[in-house]
Amino acid sequence: MTLVNPNIVHKNSIEDVLISTPIYLLKTKLSINEFNIFIQNNEEKIGNQLYKRKGDYYYLITIPSIIKKTETDAVAHLNINDFYQKKTNNDYEIKDFYIPIQVELELNNIYKNQYTIDINLRKNLKGIHVFSHILNIDIHNYFFYRKIHDHVPGIMLMETMRQATYYFCYTQLQIQLGDVSISISNMFLEFFSYFDSAYPIELFIIPTNSNYNLKPKHIDFTGYFYQNCYFKSKMRLQGGVMKMPIFQRLRNTKTPPSHDFKLSKKTDNTITLYNEKQEHLSAKLIQFKSESLLVEIEKNLSNDFKITQCSLPCLENKILLVKNFTDISENTILISLKDNKENHNLITKLIKYYSYQINKLSSI
């Protein structure tokens, strides 16, 4: 299975990617007007390779448009009511929707259709695609399967919905990764059955209201989850698309100078202290406020070592400028930071990404 690029789903490690590169789905049937629009974007020859006209509709040629009532035993293992609607004569006619690739393959095989599913042909179609993804359900995943499960955790499926939505937005709409960010405002979940960890899961997403706004300020997508050709879950994700400066401004929080913070246990608390001659010594950051650092050193500083700067590995060793410092005890000093923009940005990053507040709740 080939996975999508981590960056496009807001991740920086392939281990966190849960969706495959997309499979391209087609609608099961098109009206004459829809077919004409389709061949305007693509050649008529391609349209005829994918659809066949019967009456007032063009039907996808890889699956039966009608399942006769005498043929239902052949598809008894499928819940055909998800994909076909019963007619008055008790035959079943394909619904006007999308059909997951696993069901399309199964029907194509049952009916030994002469038309094979040409994924490459679909990939080269012009216009907006409907993507289906096979989920990367790794039972050794360091987060979702730390506890052994016999079913796929619901929170893992929620993350696949987010990733599939972001992938669609950045590849099919006119929004550029890096220029904008997507923030989730709502998710609505329906689970109809458990998902087994041992079987492949397929997810496809479409705009909830079938509205393809190419430069949206808001997004609204519905995802359909299938396993073993059964429809097992439905999710709806809503959110906002905003320019990065707005996104960053919304995430900024003002930190009162009185609040104390400690670095998380997994963060290296080594701090390097520098004097005017750029001589340096290593110390430990015990705790800090937005404007000061409490630092532990191995021995008293010599009188001629005046701290002017300091740096931390978690901040890529970028320089914090020091205003002054005070000896608190034999091995502890309090460093006051200069009030400038660069210091403020670095300390804000330190608080947001690597720290927790020391308060009554953290001691419970």
Protein backbone atom coordinates (compact mmCIF):
# COMPACT_ATOMS: atom_id res chain seq x y z
CA MET A 1 0.00 0.00 0.00
CA THR A 2 1.33 3.42 -0.97
CA LEU A 3 0.45 6.16 1.50
CA VAL A 4 -0.13 9.84 0.79
CA ASN A 5 2.55 12.41 1.59
CA PRO A 6 2.53 13.22 5.35
CA ASN A 7 2.69 16.98 4.81
CA ILE A 8 -0.58 17.10 2.91
CA VAL A 9 -2.47 15.67 5.90
CA HIS A 10 -0.65 17.92 8.40
CA LYS A 11 1.77 15.25 9.61
CA ASN A 12 5.55 15.07 9.54
CA SER A 13 6.04 11.29 9.77
CA ILE A 14 4.83 8.52 7.46
CA GLU A 15 4.02 6.50 10.60
CA ASP A 16 1.14 8.90 11.26
CA VAL A 17 -0.41 8.59 7.78
CA LEU A 18 -3.54 6.43 7.78
CA ILE A 19 -4.79 6.67 4.18
CA SER A 20 -3.54 5.23 0.91
CA THR A 21 -3.04 7.14 -2.30
CA PRO A 22 -6.51 7.55 -3.77
CA ILE A 23 -8.61 5.28 -5.93
CA TYR A 24 -10.86 7.18 -8.34
CA LEU A 25 -14.59 6.50 -8.10
CA LEU A 26 -17.25 7.22 -10.70
CA LYS A 27 -20.98 7.81 -10.25
CA THR A 28 -23.04 4.70 -10.93
CA LYS A 29 -25.26 6.51 -13.42
CA LEU A 30 -25.46 9.89 -15.13
CA SER A 31 -28.35 11.79 -16.59
CA ILE A 32 -28.00 12.80 -20.23
CA ASN A 33 -27.10 16.32 -19.13
CA GLU A 34 -24.49 15.04 -16.64
CA PHE A 35 -22.98 12.82 -19.33
CA ASN A 36 -22.75 15.74 -21.74
CA ILE A 37 -20.90 17.77 -19.11
CA PHE A 38 -18.63 14.77 -18.50
CA ILE A 39 -17.65 14.49 -22.18
CA GLN A 40 -17.11 18.25 -22.38
CA ASN A 41 -14.29 17.81 -19.88
CA ASN A 42 -13.12 14.52 -21.41
CA GLU A 43 -13.32 12.93 -24.83
CA GLU A 44 -16.59 11.29 -25.86
CA LYS A 45 -14.61 8.12 -26.58
CA ILE A 46 -13.57 8.01 -22.89
CA GLY A 47 -17.16 8.55 -21.81
CA ASN A 48 -18.24 5.58 -23.89
CA GLN A 49 -15.47 3.47 -22.37
CA LEU A 50 -16.95 4.07 -18.93
CA TYR A 51 -20.70 4.43 -19.43
CA LYS A 52 -23.41 2.84 -21.57
CA ARG A 53 -26.72 4.50 -22.31
CA LYS A 54 -29.97 2.75 -21.41
CA GLY A 55 -33.08 4.89 -21.77
CA ASP A 56 -32.66 8.28 -20.05
CA TYR A 57 -29.43 7.40 -18.22
CA TYR A 58 -25.85 6.40 -18.82
CA TYR A 59 -24.82 3.52 -16.54
CA LEU A 60 -21.36 2.57 -15.31
CA ILE A 61 -20.40 -0.40 -17.48
CA THR A 62 -18.36 -2.33 -14.89
CA ILE A 63 -21.38 -3.30 -12.78
CA PRO A 64 -24.93 -4.45 -13.56
CA SER A 65 -27.45 -1.63 -13.77
CA ILE A 66 -30.21 -4.11 -12.93
CA ILE A 67 -30.09 -7.15 -10.65
CA LYS A 68 -33.02 -9.38 -11.47
CA LYS A 69 -35.03 -10.89 -8.67
CA THR A 70 -33.91 -14.34 -9.89
CA GLU A 71 -30.27 -13.29 -9.39
CA THR A 72 -30.43 -12.13 -5.78
CA ASP A 73 -28.97 -15.39 -4.45
CA ALA A 74 -25.72 -14.58 -6.24
CA VAL A 75 -25.40 -11.34 -4.30
CA ALA A 76 -26.88 -12.58 -1.02
CA HIS A 77 -23.58 -11.88 0.78
CA LEU A 78 -23.88 -8.20 -0.17
CA ASN A 79 -26.33 -5.77 1.34
CA ILE A 80 -27.60 -4.74 -2.08
CA ASN A 81 -30.11 -2.32 -0.55
CA ASP A 82 -27.14 -0.02 0.09
CA PHE A 83 -26.49 0.24 -3.63
CA TYR A 84 -29.68 -0.81 -5.42
CA GLN A 85 -33.33 0.11 -5.00
CA LYS A 86 -36.14 -2.37 -5.38
CA LYS A 87 -38.49 -1.83 -8.30
CA THR A 88 -42.18 -2.73 -8.50
CA ASN A 89 -41.35 -5.93 -10.39
CA ASN A 90 -38.95 -6.93 -7.55
CA ASP A 91 -35.85 -6.38 -9.68
CA TYR A 92 -33.18 -4.04 -8.26
CA GLU A 93 -31.93 -0.92 -10.07
CA ILE A 94 -28.60 0.74 -9.25
CA LYS A 95 -28.94 3.92 -7.14
CA ASP A 96 -27.66 7.25 -8.39
CA PHE A 97 -24.57 7.53 -6.19
CA TYR A 98 -20.98 6.33 -5.82
CA ILE A 99 -20.11 2.74 -5.14
CA PRO A 100 -16.98 1.70 -3.21
CA ILE A 101 -14.28 0.01 -5.25
CA GLN A 102 -14.54 -3.21 -3.19
CA VAL A 103 -18.22 -3.55 -4.12
CA GLU A 104 -17.53 -2.65 -7.74
CA LEU A 105 -14.85 -5.35 -7.91
CA GLU A 106 -17.12 -7.92 -6.27
CA LEU A 107 -20.04 -7.25 -8.62
CA ASN A 108 -17.72 -7.18 -11.61
CA ASN A 109 -16.43 -10.60 -10.59
CA ILE A 110 -19.87 -12.12 -9.81
CA TYR A 111 -21.25 -11.08 -13.17
CA LYS A 112 -17.98 -11.89 -14.95
CA ASN A 113 -18.29 -8.55 -16.66
CA GLN A 114 -16.41 -8.17 -19.93
CA TYR A 115 -15.49 -4.61 -18.86
CA THR A 116 -12.57 -4.44 -16.42
CA ILE A 117 -12.04 -1.59 -13.99
CA ASP A 118 -9.37 0.65 -15.52
CA ILE A 119 -7.94 2.63 -12.61
CA ASN A 120 -5.37 4.41 -14.79
CA LEU A 121 -8.06 5.63 -17.17
CA ARG A 122 -9.98 7.12 -14.27
CA LYS A 123 -6.86 8.72 -12.84
CA ASN A 124 -6.38 10.77 -16.01
CA LEU A 125 -9.94 12.10 -16.15
CA LYS A 126 -10.30 15.87 -16.03
CA GLY A 127 -12.42 17.64 -13.45
CA ILE A 128 -12.88 17.07 -9.74
CA HIS A 129 -12.47 13.47 -8.62
CA VAL A 130 -14.20 11.54 -5.89
CA PHE A 131 -11.46 9.79 -3.95
CA SER A 132 -11.64 6.46 -2.20
CA HIS A 133 -8.85 5.48 0.19
CA ILE A 134 -7.85 2.16 1.69
CA LEU A 135 -7.07 2.74 5.35
CA ASN A 136 -3.68 1.95 6.81
CA ILE A 137 -4.85 -0.07 9.82
CA ASP A 138 -1.55 -1.07 11.38
CA ILE A 139 -2.19 -3.21 14.46
CA HIS A 140 1.29 -2.23 15.67
CA ASN A 141 0.54 1.49 15.49
CA TYR A 142 2.31 3.09 18.42
CA PHE A 143 -0.69 5.22 19.41
CA PHE A 144 -3.98 3.62 18.36
CA TYR A 145 -2.96 0.04 19.13
CA ARG A 146 -0.87 0.49 22.26
CA LYS A 147 -3.67 -1.53 23.81
CA ILE A 148 -4.41 -4.63 21.70
CA HIS A 149 -7.83 -4.41 20.05
CA ASP A 150 -9.88 -6.94 18.11
CA HIS A 151 -11.60 -4.02 16.38
CA VAL A 152 -10.47 -0.73 14.89
CA PRO A 153 -10.62 2.10 17.49
CA GLY A 154 -13.24 4.72 16.64
CA ILE A 155 -10.79 7.57 17.21
CA MET A 156 -8.52 6.05 14.53
CA LEU A 157 -11.40 6.13 12.04
CA MET A 158 -12.06 9.77 12.95
CA GLU A 159 -8.45 10.59 12.11
CA THR A 160 -8.76 8.87 8.72
CA MET A 161 -11.79 11.06 7.97
CA ARG A 162 -9.77 14.17 8.80
CA GLN A 163 -6.84 13.06 6.65
CA ALA A 164 -9.04 12.16 3.67
CA THR A 165 -10.81 15.53 3.87
CA TYR A 166 -7.56 17.48 4.02
CA TYR A 167 -6.12 15.48 1.13
CA PHE A 168 -9.17 16.23 -1.02
CA CYS A 169 -9.09 19.95 -0.21
CA TYR A 170 -5.42 20.40 -1.06
CA THR A 171 -5.49 18.32 -4.26
CA GLN A 172 -8.91 19.07 -5.76
CA LEU A 173 -9.76 22.59 -4.62
CA GLN A 174 -7.93 25.83 -5.32
CA ILE A 175 -6.40 26.17 -1.89
CA GLN A 176 -2.66 25.94 -1.34
CA LEU A 177 -1.03 24.04 1.49
CA GLY A 178 1.05 26.57 3.42
CA ASP A 179 -1.04 29.57 2.35
CA VAL A 180 -4.05 28.41 4.31
CA SER A 181 -4.88 26.01 7.09
CA ILE A 182 -8.01 23.96 7.74
CA SER A 183 -9.54 23.84 11.20
CA ILE A 184 -12.27 21.42 12.23
CA SER A 185 -15.33 22.95 13.88
CA ASN A 186 -17.70 19.94 14.00
CA MET A 187 -17.70 16.18 13.50
CA PHE A 188 -20.82 14.01 13.46
CA LEU A 189 -20.38 10.25 13.77
CA GLU A 190 -22.55 7.23 13.10
CA PHE A 191 -21.30 3.69 13.65
CA PHE A 192 -23.50 0.86 12.41
CA SER A 193 -21.10 -1.99 13.19
CA TYR A 194 -17.64 -2.72 14.54
CA PHE A 195 -14.71 -2.74 12.12
CA ASP A 196 -12.46 -5.80 12.28
CA SER A 197 -8.75 -5.05 12.37
CA ALA A 198 -7.98 -7.96 10.03
CA TYR A 199 -9.96 -6.80 6.96
CA PRO A 200 -9.37 -3.83 4.65
CA ILE A 201 -11.47 -0.72 5.17
CA GLU A 202 -12.39 1.66 2.39
CA LEU A 203 -13.42 5.30 2.83
CA PHE A 204 -14.67 7.76 0.26
CA ILE A 205 -15.73 11.35 0.87
CA ILE A 206 -17.94 13.78 -1.01
CA PRO A 207 -19.19 17.31 -0.27
CA THR A 208 -22.24 16.96 1.96
CA ASN A 209 -24.38 19.24 -0.20
CA SER A 210 -22.76 18.25 -3.52
CA ASN A 211 -21.36 21.77 -3.73
CA TYR A 212 -17.83 21.96 -5.14
CA ASN A 213 -16.77 25.47 -4.16
CA LEU A 214 -13.21 25.67 -5.45
CA LYS A 215 -12.17 28.48 -3.06
CA PRO A 216 -14.17 27.73 0.08
CA LYS A 217 -14.07 29.56 3.37
CA HIS A 218 -15.96 26.70 4.95
CA ILE A 219 -15.89 22.96 4.21
CA ASP A 220 -18.53 20.30 4.79
CA PHE A 221 -17.78 16.70 3.77
CA THR A 222 -19.42 13.34 4.41
CA GLY A 223 -17.38 10.15 4.56
CA TYR A 224 -18.66 6.63 3.88
CA PHE A 225 -16.81 3.67 5.42
CA TYR A 226 -17.05 0.12 4.03
CA GLN A 227 -15.61 -3.22 5.05
CA ASN A 228 -16.26 -6.53 3.29
CA CYS A 229 -18.70 -4.62 1.05
CA TYR A 230 -20.81 -3.52 4.05
CA PHE A 231 -21.57 0.09 4.91
CA LYS A 232 -20.40 0.37 8.52
CA SER A 233 -19.98 4.02 9.36
CA LYS A 234 -20.80 7.53 8.23
CA MET A 235 -19.06 10.70 9.35
CA ARG A 236 -19.54 14.37 8.60
CA LEU A 237 -16.75 16.90 9.03
CA GLN A 238 -17.21 20.66 8.99
CA GLY A 239 -14.53 23.29 9.31
CA GLY A 240 -13.05 26.57 8.21
CA VAL A 241 -10.37 27.46 5.67
CA MET A 242 -8.32 30.46 6.71
CA LYS A 243 -5.18 32.28 5.70
CA MET A 244 -2.15 31.39 7.81
CA PRO A 245 -1.77 34.80 9.53
CA ILE A 246 -5.39 34.55 10.74
CA PHE A 247 -4.89 30.93 11.77
CA GLN A 248 -1.79 31.83 13.79
CA ARG A 249 -3.47 34.84 15.38
CA LEU A 250 -6.39 32.71 16.55
CA ARG A 251 -3.95 30.31 18.20
CA ASN A 252 -2.11 33.00 20.13
CA THR A 253 -2.81 33.17 23.84
CA LYS A 254 -1.56 35.80 26.24
CA THR A 255 0.42 34.30 29.09
CA PRO A 256 0.22 36.22 32.39
CA PRO A 257 3.72 36.92 33.76
CA SER A 258 2.76 35.25 37.07
CA HIS A 259 2.18 31.79 35.52
CA ASP A 260 4.86 29.17 36.14
CA PHE A 261 5.73 26.44 33.62
CA LYS A 262 7.84 23.30 33.46
CA LEU A 263 9.12 21.47 30.42
CA SER A 264 7.47 18.14 29.66
CA LYS A 265 9.38 15.05 30.77
CA LYS A 266 10.30 14.13 27.20
CA THR A 267 11.83 17.53 26.46
CA ASP A 268 15.53 18.07 26.98
CA ASN A 269 15.85 20.71 29.72
CA THR A 270 19.49 21.48 28.99
CA ILE A 271 20.08 25.21 28.64
CA THR A 272 23.30 26.80 27.40
CA LEU A 273 24.38 30.08 28.99
CA TYR A 274 26.67 32.53 27.17
CA ASN A 275 28.70 35.54 28.27
CA GLU A 276 29.85 38.54 26.20
CA LYS A 277 32.91 36.61 24.98
CA GLN A 278 30.61 33.79 23.76
CA GLU A 279 32.09 31.48 26.35
CA HIS A 280 29.40 29.07 27.48
CA LEU A 281 28.41 26.60 30.16
CA SER A 282 25.66 24.04 30.42
CA ALA A 283 22.83 24.18 32.96
CA LYS A 284 19.32 22.82 33.57
CA LEU A 285 16.06 24.74 33.16
CA ILE A 286 13.99 23.98 36.30
CA GLN A 287 10.94 26.10 35.56
CA PHE A 288 10.11 29.40 33.91
CA LYS A 289 7.67 32.26 33.42
CA SER A 290 7.03 34.27 30.27
CA GLU A 291 9.70 36.77 31.29
CA SER A 292 12.18 34.78 33.38
CA LEU A 293 13.96 31.44 33.70
CA LEU A 294 14.91 29.52 36.84
CA VAL A 295 18.12 27.65 36.09
CA GLU A 296 20.19 25.09 38.02
CA ILE A 297 23.96 25.13 37.59
CA GLU A 298 26.61 22.74 38.89
CA LYS A 299 28.55 25.41 40.77
CA ASN A 300 28.54 29.12 41.42
CA LEU A 301 29.26 31.36 38.47
CA SER A 302 32.54 33.16 38.60
CA ASN A 303 32.21 36.89 39.05
CA ASP A 304 33.50 37.61 35.56
CA PHE A 305 30.92 35.35 33.82
CA LYS A 306 28.09 37.74 33.01
CA ILE A 307 25.21 35.98 31.25
CA THR A 308 24.05 37.85 28.15
CA GLN A 309 22.35 35.08 26.17
CA CYS A 310 20.98 31.57 26.49
CA SER A 311 19.57 28.86 24.22
CA LEU A 312 17.57 25.61 24.37
CA PRO A 313 17.75 22.54 22.06
CA CYS A 314 13.95 22.39 21.71
CA LEU A 315 14.03 25.93 20.32
CA GLU A 316 16.68 24.90 17.79
CA ASN A 317 19.23 26.72 19.96
CA LYS A 318 17.94 30.09 18.88
CA ILE A 319 19.20 32.86 21.11
CA LEU A 320 17.24 34.36 24.01
CA LEU A 321 18.61 37.73 25.08
CA VAL A 322 19.18 38.18 28.81
CA LYS A 323 18.36 41.40 30.67
CA ASN A 324 19.98 40.46 33.98
CA PHE A 325 20.36 37.56 36.37
CA THR A 326 20.30 36.98 40.13
CA ASP A 327 21.76 34.28 42.34
CA ILE A 328 18.94 32.57 44.22
CA SER A 329 21.08 29.94 45.95
CA GLU A 330 24.46 28.30 45.52
CA ASN A 331 23.31 26.35 42.47
CA THR A 332 20.27 28.29 41.30
CA ILE A 333 20.00 31.52 39.35
CA LEU A 334 17.03 33.54 38.12
CA ILE A 335 17.46 34.94 34.61
CA SER A 336 15.33 37.88 33.50
CA LEU A 337 14.78 38.10 29.74
CA LYS A 338 14.79 41.22 27.65
CA ASP A 339 11.37 42.44 26.59
CA ASN A 340 11.55 42.07 22.81
CA LYS A 341 9.62 40.37 20.04
CA GLU A 342 12.09 37.56 19.39
CA ASN A 343 12.20 36.54 23.06
CA HIS A 344 8.42 36.69 23.25
CA ASN A 345 8.00 34.45 20.17
CA LEU A 346 10.48 31.87 21.44
CA ILE A 347 8.98 31.68 24.93
CA THR A 348 5.47 31.43 23.43
CA LYS A 349 6.65 28.49 21.33
CA LEU A 350 8.27 26.93 24.40
CA ILE A 351 4.99 27.17 26.32
CA LYS A 352 2.78 25.94 23.48
CA TYR A 353 4.78 22.95 22.34
CA TYR A 354 6.96 21.74 25.18
CA SER A 355 5.55 22.77 28.56
CA TYR A 356 2.79 22.53 31.10
CA GLN A 357 1.64 25.01 33.72
CA ILE A 358 2.53 24.37 37.34
CA ASN A 359 -0.64 24.91 39.34
CA LYS A 360 -2.89 23.13 41.82
CA LEU A 361 -4.36 20.91 39.12
CA SER A 362 -0.94 19.64 38.00
CA SER A 363 -0.15 18.53 41.56
CA ILE A 364 -3.33 16.43 42.00
